[in-house]
Amino acid sequence: MSRLLVAFALSVALAIPSLGQDRNRHSLLPLKIRNVQYRPKGVLPLADRAETTRLLRQNVNDPTGTTKITNADDLRATAENYAKALLEDHGFWRARIETKLVQIPAALSVRLVDVVFDIDEGPQFHLSEITWTGMKEFTHDELQRAMPVHPGDVASRRQIADGLDRLRKLYASRGYINFTSVPDTKIDADARAFALVIDVDEGVQFRFGDLTLPGLDEAPKQMVLQRWESIRGTVYSPEKEVAFFRSVMWPAYSSQLYRDSPYAFYQQFLHMQVDEKARVVNFSILFAPKPEDVH
């Protein structure tokens, strides 16, 4: 009898670590989101809630990188950032969010959870003014027209971000490829007003520099370089770059002369090199025969 008791005690003692190890292994399983709930439901438009849910689940359940979320606090913080951005898109800059994770029982390879947002949206803020500093190339009115949000509109985070991206593209179209803008916000909680100050650093203006075409046959190369002279030295813009290579480079590549060359099929690699000192943008396209074309 005593031997049986000793054997039972030993079996229990040995079983305890294995249960702990199972729990540890379970805690390392990736977390995945099953559903997302917003309470109260009427705070935000249904379509925007659905899109935020889609993006959040995509980021957590199918991350583009190799890292998956295994820590509940990390998942809670990630989810809350999405909800915060959604509320700020609708002008709720002082919202309070409580994020809860409700674990769904039993999955072998993942831990399923429901995310529940309890939201107190607070006041909705409207844009009171936009002030610009540091600009020289464009006037206040020109920059104001580039913004999709204006005084009196809801102070939407997304629209402000879209406006800053439009500014970047506007300056790039005039050769200012190093342009940066730094927004500063001033919130008047009593007036529910949101003032935006944008400090502009235009940088210097760049022009088109040289184009080199190593590996391209001489006849099409000269044709392309002759056309390149029409924009060489002019103010750089991404639109002009794309238009040139679409209208000049690719037809030359597919011309009868080029297709009849000894290396009929080529791999192309466009390389852009910015010369800060000379303030020019140079391009190079390496034409290399595919291995099966070399005998």
C-alpha atoms as a PDB file:
ATOM      1  CA  MET A   1       0.000   0.000   0.000  1.00  0.00           C
ATOM      2  CA  SER A   2       2.760   2.422   0.924  1.00  0.00           C
ATOM      3  CA  ARG A   3       4.471   1.659  -2.368  1.00  0.00           C
ATOM      4  CA  LEU A   4       1.267   2.568  -4.233  1.00  0.00           C
ATOM      5  CA  LEU A   5       1.029   5.880  -2.353  1.00  0.00           C
ATOM      6  CA  VAL A   6       4.638   6.733  -3.144  1.00  0.00           C
ATOM      7  CA  ALA A   7       4.096   5.888  -6.804  1.00  0.00           C
ATOM      8  CA  PHE A   8       0.961   8.062  -6.906  1.00  0.00           C
ATOM      9  CA  ALA A   9       2.767  10.992  -5.255  1.00  0.00           C
ATOM     10  CA  LEU A  10       5.618  10.736  -7.708  1.00  0.00           C
ATOM     11  CA  SER A  11       3.235  10.663 -10.659  1.00  0.00           C
ATOM     12  CA  VAL A  12       1.484  13.828  -9.427  1.00  0.00           C
ATOM     13  CA  ALA A  13       4.807  15.586  -8.843  1.00  0.00           C
ATOM     14  CA  LEU A  14       5.971  14.690 -12.319  1.00  0.00           C
ATOM     15  CA  ALA A  15       2.661  15.758 -13.866  1.00  0.00           C
ATOM     16  CA  ILE A  16       2.749  19.282 -12.427  1.00  0.00           C
ATOM     17  CA  PRO A  17       5.745  20.528 -14.478  1.00  0.00           C
ATOM     18  CA  SER A  18       4.252  19.072 -17.652  1.00  0.00           C
ATOM     19  CA  LEU A  19       1.027  21.024 -17.092  1.00  0.00           C
ATOM     20  CA  GLY A  20       3.055  24.193 -16.544  1.00  0.00           C
ATOM     21  CA  GLN A  21       4.975  23.534 -19.736  1.00  0.00           C
ATOM     22  CA  ASP A  22       1.689  23.121 -21.627  1.00  0.00           C
ATOM     23  CA  ARG A  23       0.523  26.474 -20.312  1.00  0.00           C
ATOM     24  CA  ASN A  24       3.820  28.089 -21.308  1.00  0.00           C
ATOM     25  CA  ARG A  25       3.586  26.617 -24.773  1.00  0.00           C
ATOM     26  CA  HIS A  26      -0.002  27.854 -25.069  1.00  0.00           C
ATOM     27  CA  SER A  27       1.054  31.383 -24.080  1.00  0.00           C
ATOM     28  CA  LEU A  28       3.515  31.423 -26.989  1.00  0.00           C
ATOM     29  CA  LEU A  29       0.848  30.643 -29.573  1.00  0.00           C
ATOM     30  CA  PRO A  30       0.016  33.587 -31.867  1.00  0.00           C
ATOM     31  CA  LEU A  31      -3.070  35.636 -31.090  1.00  0.00           C
ATOM     32  CA  LYS A  32      -5.655  36.051 -33.832  1.00  0.00           C
ATOM     33  CA  ILE A  33      -8.749  38.217 -33.924  1.00  0.00           C
ATOM     34  CA  ARG A  34     -12.123  36.608 -34.585  1.00  0.00           C
ATOM     35  CA  ASN A  35     -14.470  39.602 -34.233  1.00  0.00           C
ATOM     36  CA  VAL A  36     -14.257  43.300 -33.338  1.00  0.00           C
ATOM     37  CA  GLN A  37     -17.038  45.125 -31.494  1.00  0.00           C
ATOM     38  CA  TYR A  38     -17.522  48.881 -31.053  1.00  0.00           C
ATOM     39  CA  ARG A  39     -19.635  50.058 -28.130  1.00  0.00           C
ATOM     40  CA  PRO A  40     -21.737  52.079 -28.516  1.00  0.00           C
ATOM     41  CA  LYS A  41     -22.296  51.094 -32.144  1.00  0.00           C
ATOM     42  CA  GLY A  42     -23.622  54.454 -33.305  1.00  0.00           C
ATOM     43  CA  VAL A  43     -20.455  56.456 -32.618  1.00  0.00           C
ATOM     44  CA  LEU A  44     -18.808  55.838 -35.983  1.00  0.00           C
ATOM     45  CA  PRO A  45     -20.088  55.081 -39.513  1.00  0.00           C
ATOM     46  CA  LEU A  46     -20.567  51.386 -40.226  1.00  0.00           C
ATOM     47  CA  ALA A  47     -18.412  51.425 -43.382  1.00  0.00           C
ATOM     48  CA  ASP A  48     -15.474  53.022 -41.542  1.00  0.00           C
ATOM     49  CA  ARG A  49     -15.782  50.590 -38.650  1.00  0.00           C
ATOM     50  CA  ALA A  50     -15.788  47.688 -41.103  1.00  0.00           C
ATOM     51  CA  GLU A  51     -12.686  48.983 -42.903  1.00  0.00           C
ATOM     52  CA  THR A  52     -10.786  49.510 -39.646  1.00  0.00           C
ATOM     53  CA  THR A  53     -11.753  46.006 -38.546  1.00  0.00           C
ATOM     54  CA  ARG A  54     -10.515  44.596 -41.856  1.00  0.00           C
ATOM     55  CA  LEU A  55      -7.164  46.375 -41.592  1.00  0.00           C
ATOM     56  CA  LEU A  56      -6.699  45.420 -37.940  1.00  0.00           C
ATOM     57  CA  ARG A  57      -7.477  41.746 -38.566  1.00  0.00           C
ATOM     58  CA  GLN A  58      -5.227  41.737 -41.631  1.00  0.00           C
ATOM     59  CA  ASN A  59      -2.334  43.219 -39.656  1.00  0.00           C
ATOM     60  CA  VAL A  60      -2.708  40.824 -36.726  1.00  0.00           C
ATOM     61  CA  ASN A  61      -3.911  37.632 -38.434  1.00  0.00           C
ATOM     62  CA  ASP A  62      -1.812  37.839 -41.595  1.00  0.00           C
ATOM     63  CA  PRO A  63       1.153  40.119 -40.863  1.00  0.00           C
ATOM     64  CA  THR A  64       3.354  41.082 -43.797  1.00  0.00           C
ATOM     65  CA  GLY A  65       6.451  40.318 -41.735  1.00  0.00           C
ATOM     66  CA  THR A  66       7.322  37.134 -39.903  1.00  0.00           C
ATOM     67  CA  THR A  67       6.505  38.434 -36.429  1.00  0.00           C
ATOM     68  CA  LYS A  68       3.149  37.410 -34.977  1.00  0.00           C
ATOM     69  CA  ILE A  69       1.648  38.872 -31.815  1.00  0.00           C
ATOM     70  CA  THR A  70       1.792  36.495 -28.854  1.00  0.00           C
ATOM     71  CA  ASN A  71       1.444  38.995 -25.995  1.00  0.00           C
ATOM     72  CA  ALA A  72      -2.039  40.171 -25.016  1.00  0.00           C
ATOM     73  CA  ASP A  73      -0.809  43.637 -24.000  1.00  0.00           C
ATOM     74  CA  ASP A  74       0.822  44.079 -27.410  1.00  0.00           C
ATOM     75  CA  LEU A  75      -2.396  43.072 -29.151  1.00  0.00           C
ATOM     76  CA  ARG A  76      -4.424  45.428 -26.969  1.00  0.00           C
ATOM     77  CA  ALA A  77      -2.079  48.343 -27.760  1.00  0.00           C
ATOM     78  CA  THR A  78      -2.134  47.562 -31.482  1.00  0.00           C
ATOM     79  CA  ALA A  79      -5.917  47.364 -31.570  1.00  0.00           C
ATOM     80  CA  GLU A  80      -6.296  50.581 -29.587  1.00  0.00           C
ATOM     81  CA  ASN A  81      -4.074  52.455 -32.048  1.00  0.00           C
ATOM     82  CA  TYR A  82      -6.433  51.488 -34.867  1.00  0.00           C
ATOM     83  CA  ALA A  83      -9.483  52.620 -32.922  1.00  0.00           C
ATOM     84  CA  LYS A  84      -7.755  55.882 -31.948  1.00  0.00           C
ATOM     85  CA  ALA A  85      -6.868  56.629 -35.581  1.00  0.00           C
ATOM     86  CA  LEU A  86     -10.460  55.913 -36.653  1.00  0.00           C
ATOM     87  CA  LEU A  87     -11.848  58.319 -34.067  1.00  0.00           C
ATOM     88  CA  GLU A  88      -9.343  61.013 -35.030  1.00  0.00           C
ATOM     89  CA  ASP A  89     -10.388  60.560 -38.670  1.00  0.00           C
ATOM     90  CA  HIS A  90     -13.787  61.836 -37.539  1.00  0.00           C
ATOM     91  CA  GLY A  91     -12.472  64.677 -35.386  1.00  0.00           C
ATOM     92  CA  PHE A  92     -12.666  62.954 -31.987  1.00  0.00           C
ATOM     93  CA  TRP A  93      -9.206  63.922 -30.746  1.00  0.00           C
ATOM     94  CA  ARG A  94      -9.950  63.572 -27.037  1.00  0.00           C
ATOM     95  CA  ALA A  95     -11.753  60.221 -27.124  1.00  0.00           C
ATOM     96  CA  ARG A  96     -11.292  57.648 -24.365  1.00  0.00           C
ATOM     97  CA  ILE A  97     -11.024  53.999 -25.351  1.00  0.00           C
ATOM     98  CA  GLU A  98     -11.095  50.913 -23.169  1.00  0.00           C
ATOM     99  CA  THR A  99      -9.938  47.841 -25.086  1.00  0.00           C
ATOM    100  CA  LYS A 100     -10.934  44.385 -23.885  1.00  0.00           C
ATOM    101  CA  LEU A 101      -9.825  41.010 -25.216  1.00  0.00           C
ATOM    102  CA  VAL A 102     -12.258  38.128 -24.857  1.00  0.00           C
ATOM    103  CA  GLN A 103     -10.535  34.798 -25.433  1.00  0.00           C
ATOM    104  CA  ILE A 104     -12.401  32.162 -27.437  1.00  0.00           C
ATOM    105  CA  PRO A 105     -11.927  28.629 -26.095  1.00  0.00           C
ATOM    106  CA  ALA A 106      -9.842  26.037 -27.754  1.00  0.00           C
ATOM    107  CA  ALA A 107      -7.773  26.194 -30.834  1.00  0.00           C
ATOM    108  CA  LEU A 108      -4.744  24.026 -31.293  1.00  0.00           C
ATOM    109  CA  SER A 109      -2.399  26.349 -33.172  1.00  0.00           C
ATOM    110  CA  VAL A 110      -3.642  29.873 -32.314  1.00  0.00           C
ATOM    111  CA  ARG A 111      -5.423  31.778 -29.566  1.00  0.00           C
ATOM    112  CA  LEU A 112      -8.618  33.330 -30.915  1.00  0.00           C
ATOM    113  CA  VAL A 113      -9.924  36.525 -29.288  1.00  0.00           C
ATOM    114  CA  ASP A 114     -12.705  39.009 -29.751  1.00  0.00           C
ATOM    115  CA  VAL A 115     -11.679  42.658 -29.441  1.00  0.00           C
ATOM    116  CA  VAL A 116     -14.199  44.917 -27.715  1.00  0.00           C
ATOM    117  CA  PHE A 117     -13.827  48.704 -27.799  1.00  0.00           C
ATOM    118  CA  ASP A 118     -15.759  50.667 -25.167  1.00  0.00           C
ATOM    119  CA  ILE A 119     -15.637  54.217 -26.539  1.00  0.00           C
ATOM    120  CA  ASP A 120     -16.366  57.617 -25.047  1.00  0.00           C
ATOM    121  CA  GLU A 121     -15.821  59.782 -28.113  1.00  0.00           C
ATOM    122  CA  GLY A 122     -15.935  63.143 -26.327  1.00  0.00           C
ATOM    123  CA  PRO A 123     -16.354  66.373 -28.335  1.00  0.00           C
ATOM    124  CA  GLN A 124     -15.880  66.514 -32.107  1.00  0.00           C
ATOM    125  CA  PHE A 125     -13.304  69.102 -33.178  1.00  0.00           C
ATOM    126  CA  HIS A 126     -13.450  71.301 -36.271  1.00  0.00           C
ATOM    127  CA  LEU A 127     -10.547  72.964 -38.023  1.00  0.00           C
ATOM    128  CA  SER A 128     -10.314  76.633 -37.059  1.00  0.00           C
ATOM    129  CA  GLU A 129      -7.348  77.684 -39.220  1.00  0.00           C
ATOM    130  CA  ILE A 130      -4.276  76.546 -41.149  1.00  0.00           C
ATOM    131  CA  THR A 131      -1.097  78.607 -40.865  1.00  0.00           C
ATOM    132  CA  TRP A 132       1.917  78.113 -43.152  1.00  0.00           C
ATOM    133  CA  THR A 133       5.539  79.006 -42.477  1.00  0.00           C
ATOM    134  CA  GLY A 134       8.771  78.685 -44.480  1.00  0.00           C
ATOM    135  CA  MET A 135       7.291  78.490 -48.003  1.00  0.00           C
ATOM    136  CA  LYS A 136       8.789  80.363 -50.976  1.00  0.00           C
ATOM    137  CA  GLU A 137       7.857  78.443 -54.117  1.00  0.00           C
ATOM    138  CA  PHE A 138       4.106  78.538 -53.505  1.00  0.00           C
ATOM    139  CA  THR A 139       1.814  81.112 -51.974  1.00  0.00           C
ATOM    140  CA  HIS A 140      -0.422  80.615 -48.960  1.00  0.00           C
ATOM    141  CA  ASP A 141      -3.481  80.333 -51.222  1.00  0.00           C
ATOM    142  CA  GLU A 142      -1.818  77.754 -53.501  1.00  0.00           C
ATOM    143  CA  LEU A 143      -0.917  75.563 -50.544  1.00  0.00           C
ATOM    144  CA  GLN A 144      -4.367  76.016 -49.051  1.00  0.00           C
ATOM    145  CA  ARG A 145      -5.964  74.803 -52.294  1.00  0.00           C
ATOM    146  CA  ALA A 146      -3.828  71.655 -52.172  1.00  0.00           C
ATOM    147  CA  MET A 147      -5.348  70.673 -48.823  1.00  0.00           C
ATOM    148  CA  PRO A 148      -8.555  68.573 -48.867  1.00  0.00           C
ATOM    149  CA  VAL A 149      -9.598  69.978 -45.472  1.00  0.00           C
ATOM    150  CA  HIS A 150     -10.320  73.658 -44.763  1.00  0.00           C
ATOM    151  CA  PRO A 151     -11.335  75.857 -41.816  1.00  0.00           C
ATOM    152  CA  GLY A 152     -14.821  74.921 -40.678  1.00  0.00           C
ATOM    153  CA  ASP A 153     -14.457  71.259 -41.692  1.00  0.00           C
ATOM    154  CA  VAL A 154     -14.195  68.373 -39.254  1.00  0.00           C
ATOM    155  CA  ALA A 155     -10.546  68.113 -38.160  1.00  0.00           C
ATOM    156  CA  SER A 156      -9.933  64.746 -39.787  1.00  0.00           C
ATOM    157  CA  ARG A 157      -6.562  63.078 -39.190  1.00  0.00           C
ATOM    158  CA  ARG A 158      -6.839  61.190 -42.480  1.00  0.00           C
ATOM    159  CA  GLN A 159      -7.618  64.279 -44.523  1.00  0.00           C
ATOM    160  CA  ILE A 160      -4.765  66.206 -42.927  1.00  0.00           C
ATOM    161  CA  ALA A 161      -2.391  63.318 -43.732  1.00  0.00           C
ATOM    162  CA  ASP A 162      -3.712  63.215 -47.310  1.00  0.00           C
ATOM    163  CA  GLY A 163      -3.111  66.946 -47.563  1.00  0.00           C
ATOM    164  CA  LEU A 164       0.497  66.639 -46.435  1.00  0.00           C
ATOM    165  CA  ASP A 165       1.024  63.923 -49.057  1.00  0.00           C
ATOM    166  CA  ARG A 166      -0.464  66.224 -51.705  1.00  0.00           C
ATOM    167  CA  LEU A 167       1.985  68.921 -50.647  1.00  0.00           C
ATOM    168  CA  ARG A 168       4.871  66.496 -51.079  1.00  0.00           C
ATOM    169  CA  LYS A 169       3.710  65.653 -54.614  1.00  0.00           C
ATOM    170  CA  LEU A 170       3.108  69.325 -55.435  1.00  0.00           C
ATOM    171  CA  TYR A 171       6.660  70.284 -54.445  1.00  0.00           C
ATOM    172  CA  ALA A 172       8.119  67.238 -56.218  1.00  0.00           C
ATOM    173  CA  SER A 173       6.435  68.411 -59.426  1.00  0.00           C
ATOM    174  CA  ARG A 174       8.643  71.525 -59.195  1.00  0.00           C
ATOM    175  CA  GLY A 175      11.849  69.592 -58.496  1.00  0.00           C
ATOM    176  CA  TYR A 176      11.831  69.859 -54.696  1.00  0.00           C
ATOM    177  CA  ILE A 177      12.318  66.160 -54.002  1.00  0.00           C
ATOM    178  CA  ASN A 178      13.688  66.695 -50.463  1.00  0.00           C
ATOM    179  CA  PHE A 179      10.658  68.690 -49.351  1.00  0.00           C
ATOM    180  CA  THR A 180       9.407  68.071 -45.818  1.00  0.00           C
ATOM    181  CA  SER A 181       6.514  69.484 -43.817  1.00  0.00           C
ATOM    182  CA  VAL A 182       6.106  69.394 -40.054  1.00  0.00           C
ATOM    183  CA  PRO A 183       2.555  69.851 -38.726  1.00  0.00           C
ATOM    184  CA  ASP A 184       1.877  71.231 -35.268  1.00  0.00           C
ATOM    185  CA  THR A 185      -1.567  71.228 -33.706  1.00  0.00           C
ATOM    186  CA  LYS A 186      -3.190  73.485 -31.157  1.00  0.00           C
ATOM    187  CA  ILE A 187      -6.437  72.218 -29.638  1.00  0.00           C
ATOM    188  CA  ASP A 188      -8.878  74.523 -27.866  1.00  0.00           C
ATOM    189  CA  ALA A 189     -11.035  72.089 -25.902  1.00  0.00           C
ATOM    190  CA  ASP A 190     -13.542  74.746 -24.802  1.00  0.00           C
ATOM    191  CA  ALA A 191     -14.163  75.969 -28.355  1.00  0.00           C
ATOM    192  CA  ARG A 192     -13.793  72.475 -29.820  1.00  0.00           C
ATOM    193  CA  ALA A 193     -11.373  74.073 -32.278  1.00  0.00           C
ATOM    194  CA  PHE A 194      -8.340  72.553 -33.932  1.00  0.00           C
ATOM    195  CA  ALA A 195      -5.671  74.917 -35.306  1.00  0.00           C
ATOM    196  CA  LEU A 196      -2.996  73.550 -37.630  1.00  0.00           C
ATOM    197  CA  VAL A 197       0.438  75.105 -38.152  1.00  0.00           C
ATOM    198  CA  ILE A 198       2.512  73.594 -40.989  1.00  0.00           C
ATOM    199  CA  ASP A 199       6.204  74.416 -41.150  1.00  0.00           C
ATOM    200  CA  VAL A 200       7.593  73.908 -44.653  1.00  0.00           C
ATOM    201  CA  ASP A 201      11.188  73.038 -45.538  1.00  0.00           C
ATOM    202  CA  GLU A 202      11.347  73.184 -49.324  1.00  0.00           C
ATOM    203  CA  GLY A 203      14.950  72.069 -49.739  1.00  0.00           C
ATOM    204  CA  VAL A 204      16.643  72.805 -53.087  1.00  0.00           C
ATOM    205  CA  GLN A 205      15.354  72.397 -56.615  1.00  0.00           C
ATOM    206  CA  PHE A 206      16.637  69.483 -58.702  1.00  0.00           C
ATOM    207  CA  ARG A 207      16.932  69.067 -62.477  1.00  0.00           C
ATOM    208  CA  PHE A 208      17.254  66.121 -64.826  1.00  0.00           C
ATOM    209  CA  GLY A 209      20.878  65.047 -65.201  1.00  0.00           C
ATOM    210  CA  ASP A 210      22.422  62.258 -67.248  1.00  0.00           C
ATOM    211  CA  LEU A 211      20.976  59.054 -68.649  1.00  0.00           C
ATOM    212  CA  THR A 212      23.248  56.058 -69.242  1.00  0.00           C
ATOM    213  CA  LEU A 213      22.183  52.862 -71.020  1.00  0.00           C
ATOM    214  CA  PRO A 214      24.883  50.202 -70.574  1.00  0.00           C
ATOM    215  CA  GLY A 215      24.206  47.088 -72.614  1.00  0.00           C
ATOM    216  CA  LEU A 216      21.789  48.666 -75.082  1.00  0.00           C
ATOM    217  CA  ASP A 217      22.612  48.387 -78.790  1.00  0.00           C
ATOM    218  CA  GLU A 218      24.109  51.519 -80.307  1.00  0.00           C
ATOM    219  CA  ALA A 219      21.302  52.475 -82.692  1.00  0.00           C
ATOM    220  CA  PRO A 220      18.428  52.470 -80.162  1.00  0.00           C
ATOM    221  CA  LYS A 221      20.763  53.961 -77.531  1.00  0.00           C
ATOM    222  CA  GLN A 222      21.491  57.007 -79.687  1.00  0.00           C
ATOM    223  CA  MET A 223      17.800  57.421 -80.462  1.00  0.00           C
ATOM    224  CA  VAL A 224      16.898  57.419 -76.760  1.00  0.00           C
ATOM    225  CA  LEU A 225      19.757  59.728 -75.733  1.00  0.00           C
ATOM    226  CA  GLN A 226      18.804  62.185 -78.460  1.00  0.00           C
ATOM    227  CA  ARG A 227      15.300  62.351 -77.032  1.00  0.00           C
ATOM    228  CA  TRP A 228      16.723  62.624 -73.508  1.00  0.00           C
ATOM    229  CA  GLU A 229      18.374  65.920 -74.476  1.00  0.00           C
ATOM    230  CA  SER A 230      14.901  67.460 -74.665  1.00  0.00           C
ATOM    231  CA  ILE A 231      14.479  67.166 -70.871  1.00  0.00           C
ATOM    232  CA  ARG A 232      18.092  67.100 -69.684  1.00  0.00           C
ATOM    233  CA  GLY A 233      18.721  70.208 -67.562  1.00  0.00           C
ATOM    234  CA  THR A 234      15.021  70.940 -67.086  1.00  0.00           C
ATOM    235  CA  VAL A 235      13.348  70.980 -63.672  1.00  0.00           C
ATOM    236  CA  TYR A 236      12.779  67.443 -62.448  1.00  0.00           C
ATOM    237  CA  SER A 237       9.304  66.075 -61.846  1.00  0.00           C
ATOM    238  CA  PRO A 238       8.091  62.492 -61.323  1.00  0.00           C
ATOM    239  CA  GLU A 239       5.381  63.027 -63.948  1.00  0.00           C
ATOM    240  CA  LYS A 240       7.916  64.071 -66.587  1.00  0.00           C
ATOM    241  CA  GLU A 241      10.130  61.104 -65.670  1.00  0.00           C
ATOM    242  CA  VAL A 242       7.288  58.597 -66.103  1.00  0.00           C
ATOM    243  CA  ALA A 243       6.104  60.221 -69.335  1.00  0.00           C
ATOM    244  CA  PHE A 244       9.594  60.051 -70.845  1.00  0.00           C
ATOM    245  CA  PHE A 245      10.266  56.402 -70.098  1.00  0.00           C
ATOM    246  CA  ARG A 246       6.794  55.373 -71.199  1.00  0.00           C
ATOM    247  CA  SER A 247       6.830  57.238 -74.494  1.00  0.00           C
ATOM    248  CA  VAL A 248      10.486  56.914 -75.466  1.00  0.00           C
ATOM    249  CA  MET A 249      12.197  54.076 -73.677  1.00  0.00           C
ATOM    250  CA  TRP A 250       9.736  51.234 -74.058  1.00  0.00           C
ATOM    251  CA  PRO A 251       8.919  51.810 -77.763  1.00  0.00           C
ATOM    252  CA  ALA A 252      12.658  51.829 -78.446  1.00  0.00           C
ATOM    253  CA  TYR A 253      12.993  48.605 -76.505  1.00  0.00           C
ATOM    254  CA  SER A 254      10.291  46.897 -78.547  1.00  0.00           C
ATOM    255  CA  SER A 255      11.292  48.326 -81.953  1.00  0.00           C
ATOM    256  CA  GLN A 256      12.000  45.986 -84.851  1.00  0.00           C
ATOM    257  CA  LEU A 257      15.666  47.033 -84.855  1.00  0.00           C
ATOM    258  CA  TYR A 258      16.038  46.133 -81.211  1.00  0.00           C
ATOM    259  CA  ARG A 259      14.125  42.859 -81.471  1.00  0.00           C
ATOM    260  CA  ASP A 260      16.419  41.779 -84.295  1.00  0.00           C
ATOM    261  CA  SER A 261      19.586  42.473 -82.305  1.00  0.00           C
ATOM    262  CA  PRO A 262      21.782  39.512 -81.214  1.00  0.00           C
ATOM    263  CA  TYR A 263      20.282  39.649 -77.687  1.00  0.00           C
ATOM    264  CA  ALA A 264      16.597  39.867 -78.470  1.00  0.00           C
ATOM    265  CA  PHE A 265      15.239  39.738 -74.920  1.00  0.00           C
ATOM    266  CA  TYR A 266      16.649  41.941 -72.203  1.00  0.00           C
ATOM    267  CA  GLN A 267      16.181  42.458 -68.511  1.00  0.00           C
ATOM    268  CA  GLN A 268      15.916  46.124 -67.582  1.00  0.00           C
ATOM    269  CA  PHE A 269      16.777  47.781 -64.303  1.00  0.00           C
ATOM    270  CA  LEU A 270      16.079  51.471 -63.848  1.00  0.00           C
ATOM    271  CA  HIS A 271      18.324  53.118 -61.256  1.00  0.00           C
ATOM    272  CA  MET A 272      17.772  56.668 -59.988  1.00  0.00           C
ATOM    273  CA  GLN A 273      20.725  58.480 -58.427  1.00  0.00           C
ATOM    274  CA  VAL A 274      20.361  61.870 -56.741  1.00  0.00           C
ATOM    275  CA  ASP A 275      23.458  64.083 -56.904  1.00  0.00           C
ATOM    276  CA  GLU A 276      22.940  66.452 -53.985  1.00  0.00           C
ATOM    277  CA  LYS A 277      25.986  68.563 -54.811  1.00  0.00           C
ATOM    278  CA  ALA A 278      25.134  69.111 -58.487  1.00  0.00           C
ATOM    279  CA  ARG A 279      21.390  69.199 -57.710  1.00  0.00           C
ATOM    280  CA  VAL A 280      20.548  66.798 -60.508  1.00  0.00           C
ATOM    281  CA  VAL A 281      18.784  63.445 -60.784  1.00  0.00           C
ATOM    282  CA  ASN A 282      20.654  60.914 -62.929  1.00  0.00           C
ATOM    283  CA  PHE A 283      19.256  57.694 -64.373  1.00  0.00           C
ATOM    284  CA  SER A 284      20.802  54.469 -65.547  1.00  0.00           C
ATOM    285  CA  ILE A 285      19.190  51.412 -67.122  1.00  0.00           C
ATOM    286  CA  LEU A 286      21.259  48.252 -67.280  1.00  0.00           C
ATOM    287  CA  PHE A 287      20.422  46.039 -70.240  1.00  0.00           C
ATOM    288  CA  ALA A 288      21.703  42.514 -69.713  1.00  0.00           C
ATOM    289  CA  PRO A 289      20.959  39.502 -71.893  1.00  0.00           C
ATOM    290  CA  LYS A 290      19.066  36.698 -70.228  1.00  0.00           C
ATOM    291  CA  PRO A 291      21.207  33.601 -69.674  1.00  0.00           C
ATOM    292  CA  GLU A 292      19.296  31.580 -72.251  1.00  0.00           C
ATOM    293  CA  ASP A 293      20.074  34.198 -74.925  1.00  0.00           C
ATOM    294  CA  VAL A 294      23.847  33.957 -74.437  1.00  0.00           C
ATOM    295  CA  HIS A 295      25.546  31.209 -76.433  1.00  0.00           C
END
